[in-house]
Amino acid sequence: MWLALRRLILIQIRPMFYPKRLFFIIFCFIMMHDLNAQNAYKIYSTAEKREIKLDEIPAILKNKDVIFWGEEHNDSIGHDLENQLYQLLNSKQPYALGMEMFESDVQEVMDEYLQDLIRPDYLISAGRAWPNYTDYQPLVEYAKVHQLPVIATNAPKRYVSAVTKNGLTFLPKFNSLALSYLAPLPIHVDTGAYQHKFENIMGGHEALAASHIFESQNLWDATMAWHIATYLQKNPTSKIFHLNGGFHSDEKLGIYTQLESYLQRLKMTKQIGNVSCSADANWNNPDWQTYLNRGDIIILTQPKSK
């Protein structure tokens, strides 16, 4: 990196080159990069009621067995931060990586890739990777290099689509193999605060009266939670860092409450934490009081940053 940077600068300023000027330009370049990074987000610990740095998060969440990272899928700064945090967490102790971005029926494909049995393009094609997989690829590659498990937790889209059309009562029509990719039936539907929040976003109760889309949402949440819980059952000393859309875990609803239920069913005592990361126009001067219920750690990013 440094050689490439030096070569680029030398090409641009060769006519006026001398060592002190080169040093000054490199210094300015580094300072500008650091300022841009520092000015792109703010982090807040709701328990400690203070702004914090990214490298403080592992200590704050050290007792959590599962950490949900609730993201906006198109937030480039958020993707960079989740990658940094995953590496920081693993510098203390191993964390498996759970991903909404891969569906549970491609777990074998993911395992084959982590074992270096198949090429990256097969993981993308056979694993049905998301179009923006390059945003998540650094985490998968880190897990591969450090021999860390990656758990494909999401419900396969074809079953979610079937529920959206026909409701959860349609699922028993599928065979046992299909159902093994999902949370066990019956799927619990959260009719409390989570449903109210969902309806507000989707246009109100009347707009969803003839729809099964909230049942699909619960299938997503339950399936992700179930795969986390069963992984912990098989690996009781493990910890998990799980990536998912913020709606699934913000305010400790959705996947969070589904996981609590499954942990009780499996008679496991585990601590859960959640990080909520989102772009916000008021990121630089937020009223933190409005975010206190969203998560243990709140991260606001600059919407216009690349």
Protein backbone atom coordinates (compact mmCIF):
# COMPACT_ATOMS: atom_id res chain seq x y z
CA MET A 1 0.00 0.00 0.00
CA TRP A 2 2.70 2.48 1.02
CA LEU A 3 4.78 1.72 -2.06
CA ALA A 4 1.78 2.24 -4.30
CA LEU A 5 0.90 5.50 -2.56
CA ARG A 6 4.49 6.73 -2.79
CA ARG A 7 4.64 5.85 -6.47
CA LEU A 8 1.40 7.70 -7.17
CA ILE A 9 2.54 10.83 -5.36
CA LEU A 10 5.93 10.77 -7.06
CA ILE A 11 4.30 10.64 -10.48
CA GLN A 12 2.16 13.67 -9.66
CA ILE A 13 4.84 15.87 -8.09
CA ARG A 14 8.12 14.63 -9.60
CA PRO A 15 9.02 18.04 -11.02
CA MET A 16 8.89 19.64 -7.57
CA PHE A 17 9.92 16.61 -5.54
CA TYR A 18 12.06 16.66 -2.46
CA PRO A 19 11.80 14.52 0.73
CA LYS A 20 10.23 17.04 3.09
CA ARG A 21 7.46 17.89 0.64
CA LEU A 22 6.74 14.20 0.06
CA PHE A 23 6.51 13.59 3.80
CA PHE A 24 4.15 16.55 4.19
CA ILE A 25 1.84 15.30 1.41
CA ILE A 26 1.70 11.80 2.86
CA PHE A 27 0.99 13.23 6.31
CA CYS A 28 -1.87 15.37 4.92
CA PHE A 29 -3.27 12.37 3.04
CA ILE A 30 -3.36 10.26 6.21
CA MET A 31 -4.88 13.05 8.27
CA MET A 32 -7.61 13.67 5.68
CA HIS A 33 -8.44 9.95 5.58
CA ASP A 34 -8.64 9.75 9.38
CA LEU A 35 -10.83 12.85 9.59
CA ASN A 36 -13.18 11.49 6.95
CA ALA A 37 -13.49 8.20 8.85
CA GLN A 38 -14.04 9.91 12.20
CA ASN A 39 -16.61 12.28 10.77
CA ALA A 40 -18.73 9.56 9.16
CA TYR A 41 -20.48 8.11 12.24
CA LYS A 42 -21.20 8.38 15.95
CA ILE A 43 -21.59 5.56 18.47
CA TYR A 44 -23.52 5.59 21.73
CA SER A 45 -23.76 3.11 24.61
CA THR A 46 -27.28 3.18 26.03
CA ALA A 47 -26.24 1.44 29.26
CA GLU A 48 -23.40 3.86 29.95
CA LYS A 49 -25.26 6.89 28.51
CA ARG A 50 -22.23 8.18 26.63
CA GLU A 51 -20.63 8.35 23.23
CA ILE A 52 -18.01 5.67 22.71
CA LYS A 53 -15.46 4.47 20.15
CA LEU A 54 -15.85 1.34 18.08
CA ASP A 55 -13.05 -0.48 19.90
CA GLU A 56 -14.92 -0.08 23.21
CA ILE A 57 -17.85 -2.22 22.07
CA PRO A 58 -16.24 -5.65 22.71
CA ALA A 59 -15.68 -4.77 26.37
CA ILE A 60 -19.22 -3.40 26.78
CA LEU A 61 -20.77 -6.54 25.20
CA LYS A 62 -18.22 -9.05 26.53
CA ASN A 63 -20.85 -10.99 28.50
CA LYS A 64 -23.21 -11.37 25.54
CA ASP A 65 -23.35 -14.80 23.91
CA VAL A 66 -25.24 -13.51 20.88
CA ILE A 67 -24.78 -10.06 19.39
CA PHE A 68 -27.24 -8.91 16.74
CA TRP A 69 -25.95 -6.31 14.31
CA GLY A 70 -29.04 -4.62 12.91
CA GLU A 71 -28.08 -2.87 9.70
CA GLU A 72 -29.41 -1.01 6.71
CA HIS A 73 -28.42 -3.26 3.82
CA ASN A 74 -27.28 -0.37 1.62
CA ASP A 75 -25.26 1.51 4.27
CA SER A 76 -21.64 1.37 3.09
CA ILE A 77 -20.26 2.86 6.32
CA GLY A 78 -22.28 0.36 8.33
CA HIS A 79 -20.80 -2.52 6.35
CA ASP A 80 -17.29 -1.25 7.01
CA LEU A 81 -18.02 -0.91 10.73
CA GLU A 82 -19.57 -4.37 11.07
CA ASN A 83 -16.47 -5.83 9.48
CA GLN A 84 -14.21 -3.92 11.87
CA LEU A 85 -16.29 -4.93 14.89
CA TYR A 86 -16.33 -8.59 13.87
CA GLN A 87 -12.54 -8.59 13.78
CA LEU A 88 -12.32 -6.71 17.09
CA LEU A 89 -14.62 -9.26 18.76
CA ASN A 90 -12.53 -12.14 17.44
CA SER A 91 -9.34 -10.56 18.73
CA LYS A 92 -10.71 -11.32 22.21
CA GLN A 93 -12.38 -14.70 21.62
CA PRO A 94 -13.84 -16.67 18.70
CA TYR A 95 -17.25 -15.67 17.33
CA ALA A 96 -19.22 -17.61 14.77
CA LEU A 97 -20.77 -15.45 12.08
CA GLY A 98 -24.53 -15.71 11.54
CA MET A 99 -25.94 -14.20 8.35
CA GLU A 100 -29.41 -13.31 7.19
CA MET A 101 -27.76 -12.90 3.78
CA PHE A 102 -27.60 -16.68 3.20
CA GLU A 103 -30.58 -19.02 3.34
CA SER A 104 -30.47 -22.13 5.49
CA ASP A 105 -30.67 -24.59 2.62
CA VAL A 106 -27.25 -23.46 1.33
CA GLN A 107 -25.40 -24.21 4.55
CA GLU A 108 -23.59 -27.08 2.85
CA VAL A 109 -22.39 -24.75 0.11
CA MET A 110 -21.09 -22.29 2.70
CA ASP A 111 -19.30 -25.07 4.58
CA GLU A 112 -17.70 -26.33 1.38
CA TYR A 113 -16.39 -22.87 0.64
CA LEU A 114 -15.03 -22.37 4.16
CA GLN A 115 -13.20 -25.70 3.79
CA ASP A 116 -11.72 -24.45 0.49
CA LEU A 117 -13.45 -27.23 -1.48
CA ILE A 118 -15.21 -24.93 -3.97
CA ARG A 119 -14.37 -21.67 -5.72
CA PRO A 120 -15.76 -18.28 -4.63
CA ASP A 121 -17.96 -18.02 -7.72
CA TYR A 122 -19.74 -21.24 -6.71
CA LEU A 123 -20.49 -19.78 -3.29
CA ILE A 124 -22.03 -16.79 -5.04
CA SER A 125 -24.04 -18.80 -7.57
CA ALA A 126 -24.98 -21.99 -5.68
CA GLY A 127 -25.20 -20.07 -2.41
CA ARG A 128 -27.57 -17.54 -3.99
CA ALA A 129 -25.54 -14.67 -2.55
CA TRP A 130 -27.17 -11.26 -2.38
CA PRO A 131 -26.41 -8.78 -5.19
CA ASN A 132 -24.31 -6.70 -2.79
CA TYR A 133 -22.35 -9.71 -1.52
CA THR A 134 -19.12 -7.71 -1.88
CA ASP A 135 -20.27 -5.74 1.19
CA TYR A 136 -20.24 -8.95 3.26
CA GLN A 137 -17.42 -10.78 1.56
CA PRO A 138 -14.70 -9.39 3.89
CA LEU A 139 -16.43 -10.98 6.89
CA VAL A 140 -16.82 -14.35 5.16
CA GLU A 141 -13.18 -14.26 4.05
CA TYR A 142 -12.07 -13.38 7.58
CA ALA A 143 -14.08 -16.32 8.93
CA LYS A 144 -12.54 -18.61 6.33
CA VAL A 145 -8.96 -17.56 7.09
CA HIS A 146 -9.50 -17.90 10.84
CA GLN A 147 -11.52 -21.13 10.56
CA LEU A 148 -14.65 -19.66 12.10
CA PRO A 149 -18.13 -21.05 11.38
CA VAL A 150 -20.55 -19.10 9.21
CA ILE A 151 -24.21 -19.92 9.83
CA ALA A 152 -26.72 -19.42 7.01
CA THR A 153 -29.77 -18.55 9.10
CA ASN A 154 -32.41 -17.12 6.77
CA ALA A 155 -35.56 -18.94 5.70
CA PRO A 156 -35.42 -19.96 2.00
CA LYS A 157 -37.28 -17.42 -0.07
CA ARG A 158 -39.60 -19.97 -1.71
CA TYR A 159 -41.16 -20.86 1.64
CA VAL A 160 -41.42 -17.23 2.70
CA SER A 161 -43.19 -16.52 -0.59
CA ALA A 162 -45.59 -19.42 0.00
CA VAL A 163 -46.47 -18.05 3.44
CA THR A 164 -46.96 -14.53 2.08
CA LYS A 165 -49.51 -15.94 -0.34
CA ASN A 166 -51.20 -18.60 1.78
CA GLY A 167 -50.29 -18.05 5.43
CA LEU A 168 -48.35 -20.14 7.95
CA THR A 169 -51.00 -22.88 7.91
CA PHE A 170 -49.76 -23.75 4.42
CA LEU A 171 -46.32 -24.91 5.61
CA PRO A 172 -47.31 -28.49 6.65
CA LYS A 173 -47.86 -29.24 2.97
CA PHE A 174 -44.07 -29.30 2.49
CA ASN A 175 -42.05 -32.45 3.18
CA SER A 176 -39.77 -33.05 6.15
CA LEU A 177 -36.61 -31.98 4.33
CA ALA A 178 -38.16 -28.65 3.40
CA LEU A 179 -39.39 -28.11 6.95
CA SER A 180 -35.93 -28.89 8.36
CA TYR A 181 -34.71 -25.60 6.89
CA LEU A 182 -37.27 -23.67 8.93
CA ALA A 183 -38.07 -23.14 12.57
CA PRO A 184 -40.25 -25.95 13.99
CA LEU A 185 -43.98 -25.63 13.49
CA PRO A 186 -46.10 -23.99 14.68
CA ILE A 187 -44.38 -20.64 14.14
CA HIS A 188 -45.15 -18.15 16.88
CA VAL A 189 -46.63 -14.88 15.59
CA ASP A 190 -45.83 -11.87 17.78
CA THR A 191 -49.09 -9.93 18.02
CA GLY A 192 -47.81 -7.30 20.44
CA ALA A 193 -45.52 -4.31 19.98
CA TYR A 194 -43.76 -5.93 17.02
CA GLN A 195 -46.96 -6.23 15.01
CA HIS A 196 -47.91 -2.67 15.84
CA LYS A 197 -44.51 -1.45 14.67
CA PHE A 198 -44.75 -3.52 11.49
CA GLU A 199 -48.23 -2.27 10.64
CA ASN A 200 -47.18 1.35 11.12
CA ILE A 201 -44.37 0.94 8.63
CA MET A 202 -46.52 -0.97 6.13
CA GLY A 203 -49.39 1.52 6.10
CA GLY A 204 -51.61 0.48 8.97
CA HIS A 205 -53.70 -2.51 10.01
CA GLU A 206 -56.30 -1.97 7.30
CA ALA A 207 -53.67 -2.10 4.57
CA LEU A 208 -52.57 -5.56 5.76
CA ALA A 209 -55.98 -6.97 6.62
CA ALA A 210 -56.05 -9.39 3.69
CA SER A 211 -52.31 -10.07 3.67
CA HIS A 212 -50.10 -12.75 5.26
CA ILE A 213 -46.95 -10.67 5.01
CA PHE A 214 -46.60 -10.27 8.78
CA GLU A 215 -46.71 -14.06 9.08
CA SER A 216 -43.81 -14.14 6.60
CA GLN A 217 -41.93 -11.66 8.77
CA ASN A 218 -42.36 -13.96 11.76
CA LEU A 219 -41.18 -16.94 9.70
CA TRP A 220 -38.01 -15.01 8.88
CA ASP A 221 -37.42 -14.07 12.50
CA ALA A 222 -38.24 -17.49 13.91
CA THR A 223 -36.05 -19.34 11.42
CA MET A 224 -33.04 -17.11 12.02
CA ALA A 225 -33.53 -17.41 15.78
CA TRP A 226 -33.95 -21.19 15.56
CA HIS A 227 -30.70 -21.70 13.66
CA ILE A 228 -28.86 -19.55 16.18
CA ALA A 229 -30.37 -21.46 19.10
CA THR A 230 -29.66 -24.91 17.66
CA TYR A 231 -26.07 -23.89 16.84
CA LEU A 232 -25.60 -22.83 20.47
CA GLN A 233 -27.16 -26.08 21.64
CA LYS A 234 -24.54 -28.04 19.65
CA ASN A 235 -21.75 -25.62 20.59
CA PRO A 236 -22.62 -24.42 24.10
CA THR A 237 -19.40 -22.45 24.66
CA SER A 238 -19.62 -20.56 21.37
CA LYS A 239 -20.56 -16.96 20.76
CA ILE A 240 -22.31 -15.60 17.68
CA PHE A 241 -22.18 -12.29 15.84
CA HIS A 242 -25.30 -12.13 13.68
CA LEU A 243 -25.94 -9.79 10.74
CA ASN A 244 -29.53 -8.89 9.92
CA GLY A 245 -31.71 -6.02 8.83
CA GLY A 246 -32.27 -3.59 11.67
CA PHE A 247 -36.03 -4.11 11.78
CA HIS A 248 -35.48 -7.75 12.75
CA SER A 249 -33.69 -6.88 16.01
CA ASP A 250 -34.19 -3.18 16.82
CA GLU A 251 -35.93 -2.49 20.13
CA LYS A 252 -35.11 -6.11 21.01
CA LEU A 253 -38.14 -7.34 19.07
CA GLY A 254 -38.54 -9.81 16.22
CA ILE A 255 -35.63 -12.22 16.03
CA TYR A 256 -34.53 -11.12 19.51
CA THR A 257 -37.74 -12.22 21.24
CA GLN A 258 -37.99 -15.36 19.08
CA LEU A 259 -34.48 -16.34 20.19
CA GLU A 260 -35.34 -15.77 23.85
CA SER A 261 -38.30 -18.15 23.43
CA TYR A 262 -36.22 -20.87 21.74
CA LEU A 263 -33.46 -20.62 24.34
CA GLN A 264 -36.07 -21.21 27.05
CA ARG A 265 -37.50 -24.16 25.11
CA LEU A 266 -34.00 -25.68 24.81
CA LYS A 267 -33.30 -24.89 28.48
CA MET A 268 -30.30 -22.72 27.73
CA THR A 269 -29.30 -19.56 29.55
CA LYS A 270 -27.65 -17.14 27.16
CA GLN A 271 -27.15 -13.39 27.16
CA ILE A 272 -28.23 -11.43 24.09
CA GLY A 273 -27.12 -7.98 22.96
CA ASN A 274 -27.97 -5.86 19.97
CA VAL A 275 -26.29 -3.13 17.96
CA SER A 276 -28.46 -0.88 15.83
CA CYS A 277 -26.69 0.82 12.94
CA SER A 278 -28.45 3.17 10.54
CA ALA A 279 -27.91 6.26 8.44
CA ASP A 280 -29.44 9.40 9.88
CA ALA A 281 -29.48 12.98 8.63
CA ASN A 282 -28.98 14.12 12.25
CA TRP A 283 -26.07 11.77 12.84
CA ASN A 284 -23.72 14.59 13.82
CA ASN A 285 -25.95 16.09 16.50
CA PRO A 286 -28.50 13.46 17.50
CA ASP A 287 -30.92 13.49 20.40
CA TRP A 288 -29.75 10.20 21.90
CA GLN A 289 -32.84 10.01 24.10
CA THR A 290 -34.90 9.15 21.04
CA TYR A 291 -32.74 6.09 20.36
CA LEU A 292 -32.39 4.59 23.84
CA ASN A 293 -34.86 1.74 23.27
CA ARG A 294 -33.37 0.71 19.94
CA GLY A 295 -30.40 -1.29 21.24
CA ASP A 296 -27.48 -1.69 23.61
CA ILE A 297 -25.25 0.13 21.14
CA ILE A 298 -26.55 2.77 18.71
CA ILE A 299 -24.53 3.74 15.63
CA LEU A 300 -25.61 6.59 13.39
CA THR A 301 -23.83 7.05 10.07
CA GLN A 302 -23.61 9.95 7.66
CA PRO A 303 -26.08 9.31 4.83
CA LYS A 304 -24.04 11.08 2.14
CA SER A 305 -20.71 9.37 2.84
CA LYS A 306 -19.35 6.88 0.37
